[in-house]
N, C-alpha and C. Protein backbone atom coordinates (compact mmCIF):
# COMPACT_ATOMS: atom_id res chain seq x y z
N MET A 1 -121.27 -24.96 239.45
CA MET A 1 -122.70 -24.96 239.46
C MET A 1 -123.37 -25.90 238.35
N GLY A 2 -122.79 -25.75 237.17
CA GLY A 2 -123.26 -26.44 236.00
C GLY A 2 -123.09 -27.97 236.14
N LEU A 3 -121.93 -28.44 236.68
CA LEU A 3 -121.64 -29.85 236.73
C LEU A 3 -122.57 -30.38 237.95
N ASP A 4 -122.87 -29.73 239.02
CA ASP A 4 -123.86 -30.14 239.93
C ASP A 4 -125.21 -30.35 239.41
N LEU A 5 -125.53 -29.35 238.53
CA LEU A 5 -126.95 -29.54 237.91
C LEU A 5 -126.93 -30.63 236.95
N MET A 6 -125.94 -30.75 236.21
CA MET A 6 -125.93 -32.00 235.24
C MET A 6 -125.90 -33.24 235.95
N THR A 7 -125.11 -33.35 237.06
CA THR A 7 -125.07 -34.65 237.80
C THR A 7 -126.37 -34.88 238.44
N SER A 8 -127.02 -33.83 238.99
CA SER A 8 -128.38 -34.23 239.70
C SER A 8 -129.45 -34.52 238.68
N SER A 9 -129.24 -33.90 237.37
CA SER A 9 -130.28 -34.14 236.32
C SER A 9 -130.11 -35.53 235.84
N PHE A 10 -128.83 -35.94 235.63
CA PHE A 10 -128.40 -37.25 235.11
C PHE A 10 -129.04 -38.31 236.14
N MET A 11 -128.69 -38.18 237.31
CA MET A 11 -129.14 -39.17 238.36
C MET A 11 -130.64 -39.33 238.38
N GLY A 12 -131.25 -38.27 238.34
CA GLY A 12 -132.80 -38.21 238.38
C GLY A 12 -133.41 -38.82 237.21
N LEU A 13 -132.74 -38.71 236.01
CA LEU A 13 -133.34 -39.19 234.81
C LEU A 13 -132.75 -40.52 234.33
N ARG A 14 -131.80 -41.08 235.18
CA ARG A 14 -131.14 -42.28 234.61
C ARG A 14 -132.06 -43.43 234.31
N ASP A 15 -133.06 -43.61 235.06
CA ASP A 15 -133.90 -44.78 234.55
C ASP A 15 -134.64 -44.55 233.23
N LYS A 16 -135.04 -43.26 233.23
CA LYS A 16 -135.83 -42.78 231.97
C LYS A 16 -134.91 -42.86 230.84
N LEU A 17 -133.67 -42.39 231.04
CA LEU A 17 -132.65 -42.43 229.92
C LEU A 17 -132.32 -43.80 229.55
N HIS A 18 -132.25 -44.68 230.45
CA HIS A 18 -131.98 -46.08 230.14
C HIS A 18 -133.11 -46.61 229.36
N ARG A 19 -134.29 -46.39 229.62
CA ARG A 19 -135.41 -46.91 228.92
C ARG A 19 -135.41 -46.36 227.46
N ILE A 20 -135.01 -45.18 227.32
CA ILE A 20 -135.00 -44.51 226.10
C ILE A 20 -133.90 -45.22 225.10
N ALA A 21 -132.75 -45.40 225.78
CA ALA A 21 -131.68 -46.08 225.12
C ALA A 21 -132.15 -47.71 224.71
N MET A 22 -132.95 -48.22 225.68
CA MET A 22 -133.34 -49.66 225.43
C MET A 22 -134.20 -49.64 224.17
N ARG A 23 -135.19 -48.67 224.03
CA ARG A 23 -135.97 -48.52 222.94
C ARG A 23 -135.25 -48.53 221.65
N TYR A 24 -134.10 -47.84 221.58
CA TYR A 24 -133.43 -47.64 220.42
C TYR A 24 -132.58 -48.92 220.13
N LEU A 25 -131.82 -49.39 221.13
CA LEU A 25 -130.73 -50.30 220.90
C LEU A 25 -131.15 -51.86 221.14
N GLN A 26 -132.22 -52.10 221.91
CA GLN A 26 -132.78 -53.38 222.13
C GLN A 26 -131.76 -54.35 222.87
N ASN A 27 -130.76 -53.63 223.67
CA ASN A 27 -129.84 -54.46 224.22
C ASN A 27 -129.28 -53.75 225.36
N ASP A 28 -129.28 -54.34 226.78
CA ASP A 28 -128.90 -53.57 227.90
C ASP A 28 -127.48 -53.17 227.81
N GLU A 29 -126.51 -54.03 227.47
CA GLU A 29 -125.19 -53.53 227.48
C GLU A 29 -125.00 -52.23 226.55
N ASP A 30 -125.46 -52.25 225.35
CA ASP A 30 -125.39 -51.21 224.44
C ASP A 30 -126.05 -49.95 225.12
N ALA A 31 -127.26 -50.22 225.70
CA ALA A 31 -127.91 -49.09 226.39
C ALA A 31 -127.03 -48.45 227.51
N GLN A 32 -126.48 -49.34 228.23
CA GLN A 32 -125.48 -48.79 229.38
C GLN A 32 -124.36 -48.11 228.63
N ASP A 33 -123.86 -48.58 227.62
CA ASP A 33 -122.58 -47.86 226.95
C ASP A 33 -123.15 -46.49 226.50
N ALA A 34 -124.35 -46.43 225.92
CA ALA A 34 -124.86 -45.28 225.45
C ALA A 34 -125.03 -44.23 226.46
N LEU A 35 -125.47 -44.70 227.71
CA LEU A 35 -125.65 -43.80 228.85
C LEU A 35 -124.27 -43.27 229.27
N GLN A 36 -123.22 -44.22 229.46
CA GLN A 36 -122.11 -43.87 229.80
C GLN A 36 -121.38 -42.79 228.81
N ASP A 37 -121.46 -42.97 227.56
CA ASP A 37 -121.10 -42.06 226.51
C ASP A 37 -121.64 -40.74 226.77
N THR A 38 -122.92 -40.65 226.97
CA THR A 38 -123.67 -39.43 227.14
C THR A 38 -123.22 -38.81 228.37
N TRP A 39 -122.96 -39.39 229.47
CA TRP A 39 -122.41 -38.80 230.63
C TRP A 39 -121.04 -38.22 230.39
N LEU A 40 -120.21 -38.96 229.82
CA LEU A 40 -118.76 -38.58 229.47
C LEU A 40 -118.81 -37.31 228.56
N LYS A 41 -119.78 -37.31 227.54
CA LYS A 41 -119.80 -36.14 226.78
C LYS A 41 -120.21 -34.80 227.30
N LEU A 42 -121.13 -34.87 228.28
CA LEU A 42 -121.72 -33.77 228.92
C LEU A 42 -121.08 -33.45 230.37
N SER A 43 -120.33 -34.29 230.74
CA SER A 43 -119.75 -34.14 232.29
C SER A 43 -118.79 -32.97 232.28
N ASP A 44 -118.05 -32.87 231.23
CA ASP A 44 -116.97 -31.81 231.30
C ASP A 44 -117.57 -30.52 230.77
N LYS A 45 -118.73 -30.51 230.37
CA LYS A 45 -119.40 -29.32 229.98
C LYS A 45 -120.31 -28.66 231.09
N GLY A 46 -119.79 -27.79 231.82
CA GLY A 46 -120.55 -27.22 232.94
C GLY A 46 -121.37 -25.90 232.56
N ASP A 47 -121.82 -25.77 231.46
CA ASP A 47 -122.51 -24.55 231.13
C ASP A 47 -123.98 -24.67 231.09
N MET A 48 -124.48 -25.47 231.91
CA MET A 48 -125.96 -25.71 232.09
C MET A 48 -126.54 -24.55 233.03
N GLU A 49 -127.63 -23.94 232.78
CA GLU A 49 -128.10 -22.94 233.64
C GLU A 49 -129.45 -23.38 234.35
N THR A 50 -130.16 -24.18 233.73
CA THR A 50 -131.43 -24.66 234.22
C THR A 50 -131.46 -26.24 234.18
N SER A 51 -132.31 -26.87 235.01
CA SER A 51 -132.38 -28.17 234.97
C SER A 51 -133.10 -28.68 233.74
N GLN A 52 -134.01 -27.86 233.32
CA GLN A 52 -134.64 -28.23 232.07
C GLN A 52 -133.64 -28.31 230.92
N GLU A 53 -132.68 -27.36 230.88
CA GLU A 53 -131.84 -27.43 229.83
C GLU A 53 -130.73 -28.65 229.95
N ALA A 54 -130.51 -28.99 231.05
CA ALA A 54 -129.68 -30.16 231.34
C ALA A 54 -130.41 -31.50 230.82
N ARG A 55 -131.60 -31.42 231.21
CA ARG A 55 -132.56 -32.71 230.74
C ARG A 55 -132.52 -32.75 229.22
N ASN A 56 -132.84 -31.59 228.64
CA ASN A 56 -132.94 -31.55 227.22
C ASN A 56 -131.66 -32.04 226.45
N LYS A 57 -130.53 -31.59 227.09
CA LYS A 57 -129.22 -31.92 226.38
C LYS A 57 -128.93 -33.35 226.76
N LEU A 58 -129.18 -33.89 227.89
CA LEU A 58 -129.06 -35.32 228.23
C LEU A 58 -129.84 -36.17 227.30
N VAL A 59 -131.05 -35.92 226.97
CA VAL A 59 -131.88 -36.69 226.11
C VAL A 59 -131.38 -36.55 224.68
N ALA A 60 -131.00 -35.43 224.24
CA ALA A 60 -130.63 -35.21 222.90
C ALA A 60 -129.28 -35.97 222.56
N VAL A 61 -128.35 -35.89 223.51
CA VAL A 61 -127.02 -36.43 223.31
C VAL A 61 -127.32 -37.98 223.37
N LEU A 62 -128.13 -38.45 224.18
CA LEU A 62 -128.38 -39.77 224.24
C LEU A 62 -129.05 -40.45 222.96
N ARG A 63 -129.79 -39.68 222.58
CA ARG A 63 -130.51 -40.10 221.32
C ARG A 63 -129.41 -40.11 220.11
N ASN A 64 -128.67 -39.11 219.96
CA ASN A 64 -127.57 -39.07 219.05
C ASN A 64 -126.58 -40.22 219.17
N ASN A 65 -126.25 -40.57 220.43
CA ASN A 65 -125.42 -41.69 220.65
C ASN A 65 -126.07 -43.02 220.20
N CYS A 66 -127.23 -43.19 220.52
CA CYS A 66 -127.93 -44.44 220.09
C CYS A 66 -127.91 -44.53 218.56
N ILE A 67 -128.32 -43.43 218.01
CA ILE A 67 -128.34 -43.39 216.46
C ILE A 67 -126.90 -43.82 215.98
N ASP A 68 -125.89 -43.26 216.51
CA ASP A 68 -124.65 -43.51 215.99
C ASP A 68 -124.22 -44.85 216.31
N GLN A 69 -124.60 -45.57 217.37
CA GLN A 69 -124.34 -46.99 217.61
C GLN A 69 -125.04 -47.77 216.55
N LEU A 70 -126.22 -47.50 216.25
CA LEU A 70 -127.00 -48.25 215.28
C LEU A 70 -126.36 -48.08 213.91
N ARG A 71 -125.95 -46.96 213.50
CA ARG A 71 -125.26 -46.82 212.25
C ARG A 71 -123.98 -47.67 212.18
N LYS A 72 -123.16 -47.70 213.39
CA LYS A 72 -122.04 -48.46 213.25
C LYS A 72 -122.29 -49.94 213.03
N LYS A 73 -123.43 -50.35 213.58
CA LYS A 73 -123.72 -51.80 213.45
C LYS A 73 -124.13 -52.10 212.03
N ARG A 74 -124.72 -51.13 211.24
CA ARG A 74 -125.10 -51.33 209.98
C ARG A 74 -123.96 -51.30 208.85
N THR A 75 -122.87 -50.67 209.17
CA THR A 75 -121.73 -50.61 208.26
C THR A 75 -120.97 -51.94 208.19
N VAL A 76 -120.55 -52.18 206.99
CA VAL A 76 -119.89 -53.37 206.77
C VAL A 76 -118.61 -53.08 206.22
N PRO A 77 -117.55 -53.46 206.93
CA PRO A 77 -116.00 -53.08 206.41
C PRO A 77 -115.92 -53.68 204.92
N ILE A 78 -115.27 -52.91 204.08
CA ILE A 78 -115.08 -53.39 202.73
C ILE A 78 -114.35 -54.60 202.63
N ASP A 79 -113.44 -54.73 203.42
CA ASP A 79 -112.54 -56.00 203.47
C ASP A 79 -113.47 -57.26 203.62
N SER A 80 -114.56 -57.32 204.48
CA SER A 80 -115.45 -58.39 204.56
C SER A 80 -116.31 -58.80 203.52
N ILE A 81 -116.37 -57.86 202.41
CA ILE A 81 -117.16 -58.10 201.16
C ILE A 81 -116.36 -58.98 200.34
N GLY A 82 -116.88 -60.17 199.97
CA GLY A 82 -116.10 -60.94 199.07
C GLY A 82 -116.24 -60.50 197.57
N SER A 83 -115.17 -60.93 196.80
CA SER A 83 -115.26 -60.42 195.38
C SER A 83 -116.53 -60.96 194.60
N SER A 84 -117.04 -62.14 195.19
CA SER A 84 -118.29 -62.60 194.42
C SER A 84 -119.46 -61.91 194.75
N ASP A 85 -119.50 -61.07 195.86
CA ASP A 85 -120.67 -60.29 196.26
C ASP A 85 -120.69 -58.99 195.39
N VAL A 86 -119.61 -58.59 194.88
CA VAL A 86 -119.70 -57.35 194.05
C VAL A 86 -119.92 -57.60 192.72
N PRO A 87 -120.93 -57.00 192.08
CA PRO A 87 -121.27 -57.23 190.60
C PRO A 87 -120.11 -56.79 189.74
N GLN A 88 -119.80 -57.64 188.78
CA GLN A 88 -118.69 -57.28 188.01
C GLN A 88 -119.21 -56.40 186.77
N CYS A 89 -118.47 -55.34 186.35
CA CYS A 89 -118.82 -54.45 185.35
C CYS A 89 -117.96 -54.80 184.17
N SER A 90 -118.63 -54.92 183.04
CA SER A 90 -117.82 -55.32 181.86
C SER A 90 -117.73 -54.20 180.86
N MET A 91 -117.69 -52.95 181.43
CA MET A 91 -117.62 -51.80 180.33
C MET A 91 -116.08 -51.41 180.25
N ASP A 92 -115.62 -51.12 178.97
CA ASP A 92 -114.30 -50.70 178.67
C ASP A 92 -114.15 -49.21 179.03
N ILE A 93 -113.08 -48.66 179.02
CA ILE A 93 -112.74 -47.26 179.23
C ILE A 93 -113.38 -46.53 178.29
N GLU A 94 -113.39 -46.88 177.05
CA GLU A 94 -114.12 -46.15 175.96
C GLU A 94 -115.55 -46.04 176.18
N ASP A 95 -116.16 -47.22 176.66
CA ASP A 95 -117.59 -47.19 176.91
C ASP A 95 -117.92 -46.23 178.09
N ILE A 96 -117.19 -46.21 179.14
CA ILE A 96 -117.30 -45.30 180.21
C ILE A 96 -117.08 -43.88 179.64
N GLU A 97 -116.12 -43.61 178.90
CA GLU A 97 -115.94 -42.22 178.32
C GLU A 97 -117.17 -41.79 177.56
N ARG A 98 -117.72 -42.68 176.63
CA ARG A 98 -118.85 -42.31 175.85
C ARG A 98 -119.95 -42.06 176.76
N LEU A 99 -120.25 -42.89 177.74
CA LEU A 99 -121.38 -42.71 178.69
C LEU A 99 -121.19 -41.38 179.33
N GLU A 100 -120.05 -41.04 179.82
CA GLU A 100 -119.85 -39.86 180.48
C GLU A 100 -120.09 -38.60 179.64
N HIS A 101 -119.64 -38.74 178.27
CA HIS A 101 -119.85 -37.70 177.27
C HIS A 101 -121.32 -37.51 177.11
N LEU A 102 -122.06 -38.60 176.95
CA LEU A 102 -123.43 -38.60 176.64
C LEU A 102 -124.29 -37.95 177.85
N LEU A 103 -123.83 -38.23 179.03
CA LEU A 103 -124.44 -37.65 180.16
C LEU A 103 -124.19 -36.13 180.29
N GLN A 104 -123.07 -35.76 180.02
CA GLN A 104 -122.63 -34.38 180.03
C GLN A 104 -123.28 -33.47 178.98
N GLN A 105 -123.69 -34.11 177.96
CA GLN A 105 -124.35 -33.40 176.73
C GLN A 105 -125.63 -32.82 177.30
N GLN A 106 -126.26 -33.48 178.24
CA GLN A 106 -127.55 -33.03 178.79
C GLN A 106 -127.44 -31.87 179.68
N LEU A 107 -126.24 -31.51 180.09
CA LEU A 107 -126.08 -30.46 181.13
C LEU A 107 -125.69 -29.11 180.57
N THR A 108 -125.94 -27.93 181.28
CA THR A 108 -125.52 -26.76 180.86
C THR A 108 -124.07 -26.58 181.12
N PRO A 109 -123.45 -25.71 180.43
CA PRO A 109 -122.07 -25.44 180.67
C PRO A 109 -121.52 -25.34 182.04
N LEU A 110 -122.39 -24.56 182.77
CA LEU A 110 -122.17 -24.37 184.35
C LEU A 110 -122.10 -25.61 184.97
N GLN A 111 -123.26 -26.33 184.80
CA GLN A 111 -123.35 -27.66 185.54
C GLN A 111 -122.31 -28.55 185.15
N ARG A 112 -121.81 -28.64 183.84
CA ARG A 112 -120.71 -29.47 183.45
C ARG A 112 -119.43 -29.11 184.21
N GLN A 113 -119.22 -27.73 184.30
CA GLN A 113 -117.94 -27.22 184.99
C GLN A 113 -118.02 -27.65 186.40
N ILE A 114 -119.15 -27.52 187.06
CA ILE A 114 -119.18 -27.82 188.42
C ILE A 114 -119.14 -29.34 188.72
N LEU A 115 -119.63 -30.18 187.86
CA LEU A 115 -119.56 -31.64 187.96
C LEU A 115 -118.05 -32.05 187.81
N ASN A 116 -117.51 -31.34 186.72
CA ASN A 116 -115.97 -31.83 186.62
C ASN A 116 -115.12 -31.39 187.69
N LEU A 117 -115.39 -30.22 188.37
CA LEU A 117 -114.57 -29.76 189.45
C LEU A 117 -114.85 -30.72 190.59
N VAL A 118 -116.06 -31.28 190.84
CA VAL A 118 -116.34 -32.02 192.04
C VAL A 118 -115.77 -33.46 191.69
N THR A 119 -116.08 -34.08 190.46
CA THR A 119 -115.70 -35.43 190.23
C THR A 119 -114.27 -35.61 189.83
N HIS A 120 -113.72 -34.82 189.01
CA HIS A 120 -112.44 -35.07 188.56
C HIS A 120 -111.47 -34.31 189.45
N ASP A 121 -111.59 -33.12 189.81
CA ASP A 121 -110.63 -32.41 190.55
C ASP A 121 -110.73 -32.51 192.14
N GLY A 122 -111.95 -33.03 192.54
CA GLY A 122 -112.14 -33.39 193.99
C GLY A 122 -112.25 -32.00 194.81
N CYS A 123 -112.79 -30.99 194.21
CA CYS A 123 -112.98 -29.79 194.91
C CYS A 123 -114.33 -29.87 195.77
N ASP A 124 -114.39 -29.14 196.88
CA ASP A 124 -115.60 -29.15 197.65
C ASP A 124 -116.39 -27.84 197.20
N TYR A 125 -117.61 -27.66 197.69
CA TYR A 125 -118.48 -26.67 197.30
C TYR A 125 -118.00 -25.30 197.52
N GLU A 126 -117.30 -25.17 198.67
CA GLU A 126 -116.64 -23.88 199.02
C GLU A 126 -115.53 -23.43 198.11
N GLN A 127 -114.67 -24.33 197.68
CA GLN A 127 -113.69 -24.07 196.73
C GLN A 127 -114.29 -23.73 195.38
N ILE A 128 -115.28 -24.39 194.88
CA ILE A 128 -115.83 -24.07 193.76
C ILE A 128 -116.53 -22.72 193.65
N ALA A 129 -117.18 -22.48 194.74
CA ALA A 129 -117.92 -21.18 194.91
C ALA A 129 -116.90 -20.07 194.83
N LYS A 130 -115.73 -20.10 195.51
CA LYS A 130 -114.66 -19.22 195.40
C LYS A 130 -114.15 -19.10 193.94
N ARG A 131 -113.92 -20.17 193.39
CA ARG A 131 -113.40 -20.15 191.94
C ARG A 131 -114.30 -19.65 190.88
N LEU A 132 -115.68 -19.79 191.08
CA LEU A 132 -116.63 -19.46 190.03
C LEU A 132 -117.38 -18.08 190.49
N SER A 133 -116.96 -17.59 191.63
CA SER A 133 -117.57 -16.39 192.15
C SER A 133 -119.07 -16.45 192.33
N MET A 134 -119.40 -17.66 192.90
CA MET A 134 -120.75 -17.98 193.27
C MET A 134 -121.02 -18.22 194.79
N SER A 135 -122.05 -18.23 195.21
CA SER A 135 -122.39 -18.65 196.55
C SER A 135 -122.46 -20.13 196.70
N VAL A 136 -122.12 -20.63 197.95
CA VAL A 136 -122.04 -22.02 198.13
C VAL A 136 -123.54 -22.69 197.84
N GLU A 137 -124.53 -21.97 198.21
CA GLU A 137 -125.83 -22.49 197.93
C GLU A 137 -126.19 -22.64 196.47
N ALA A 138 -125.69 -21.67 195.67
CA ALA A 138 -125.73 -21.75 194.22
C ALA A 138 -125.15 -22.98 193.70
N VAL A 139 -123.97 -23.16 194.10
CA VAL A 139 -123.13 -24.42 193.74
C VAL A 139 -123.84 -25.66 194.04
N ARG A 140 -124.29 -25.78 195.34
CA ARG A 140 -125.15 -26.76 195.83
C ARG A 140 -126.33 -27.10 195.04
N MET A 141 -127.10 -26.11 194.56
CA MET A 141 -128.33 -26.14 193.82
C MET A 141 -127.92 -26.69 192.55
N ASN A 142 -126.89 -26.13 191.91
CA ASN A 142 -126.56 -26.60 190.59
C ASN A 142 -126.09 -28.06 190.51
N MET A 143 -125.37 -28.48 191.52
CA MET A 143 -124.99 -29.82 191.59
C MET A 143 -126.17 -30.76 191.88
N SER A 144 -127.20 -30.24 192.59
CA SER A 144 -128.41 -31.02 192.74
C SER A 144 -129.08 -31.28 191.54
N ARG A 145 -129.26 -30.23 190.72
CA ARG A 145 -129.95 -30.25 189.46
C ARG A 145 -129.18 -31.22 188.53
N THR A 146 -127.70 -31.15 188.54
CA THR A 146 -126.91 -31.95 187.72
C THR A 146 -127.08 -33.40 188.09
N ARG A 147 -127.15 -33.85 189.27
CA ARG A 147 -127.44 -35.26 189.74
C ARG A 147 -128.76 -35.62 189.19
N LYS A 148 -129.77 -34.81 189.31
CA LYS A 148 -131.09 -35.14 188.85
C LYS A 148 -131.18 -35.31 187.40
N LYS A 149 -130.53 -34.59 186.52
CA LYS A 149 -130.54 -34.78 185.16
C LYS A 149 -129.86 -35.91 184.81
N ILE A 150 -128.73 -36.29 185.54
CA ILE A 150 -127.91 -37.57 185.24
C ILE A 150 -128.81 -38.83 185.49
N ARG A 151 -129.61 -38.66 186.65
CA ARG A 151 -130.39 -39.81 187.10
C ARG A 151 -131.50 -40.08 185.98
N GLU A 152 -132.12 -38.84 185.52
CA GLU A 152 -133.14 -38.99 184.37
C GLU A 152 -132.63 -39.61 183.30
N THR A 153 -131.44 -39.21 182.78
CA THR A 153 -130.81 -39.74 181.58
C THR A 153 -130.39 -41.09 181.74
N LEU A 154 -129.98 -41.56 182.91
CA LEU A 154 -129.62 -42.92 183.04
C LEU A 154 -130.92 -43.87 182.98
N LYS A 155 -132.08 -43.38 183.61
CA LYS A 155 -133.26 -44.10 183.57
C LYS A 155 -133.72 -44.27 182.21
N LYS A 156 -133.67 -43.17 181.25
CA LYS A 156 -134.03 -43.36 179.98
C LYS A 156 -133.12 -44.39 179.25
N LEU A 157 -131.83 -44.40 179.46
CA LEU A 157 -130.98 -45.38 178.88
C LEU A 157 -131.26 -46.91 179.30
N ASP A 158 -131.73 -47.03 180.51
CA ASP A 158 -132.00 -48.32 181.02
C ASP A 158 -133.27 -48.90 180.52
N GLN A 159 -134.18 -48.05 180.02
CA GLN A 159 -135.43 -48.45 179.46
C GLN A 159 -135.32 -49.04 178.13
């Protein structure tokens, strides 16, 4: 039942879906690829109950496919960046350590601890929350405040 509904909805909306993809991608081949990807993603899911639900899923998945294609076009492999394109940093290890120490002085002990767990230990928010007996949201909020303080401090140093 669900696949027949999806097939009929797709065939009925094919032209409209193609126009949507063309608006995003500005290229007929890419739009056709996006349509095909959309069909492939949804064809094996036969859990549609109404034609409206099938239409909504088709449009949403198509939109996401188009956005994914646009993002892929914008990314540049790191190998293609020449060494002359990357600004060279002339800071010593001691300078970096002094800057890190200066930035961490502005933070609360909890923020400092969370920052060290994220940057130096490579922990994710869930691991930190378990380790510090906090909620993931609290860890996320503290990390957000930490980044904000660091940005403000760096702006002051640049002036």
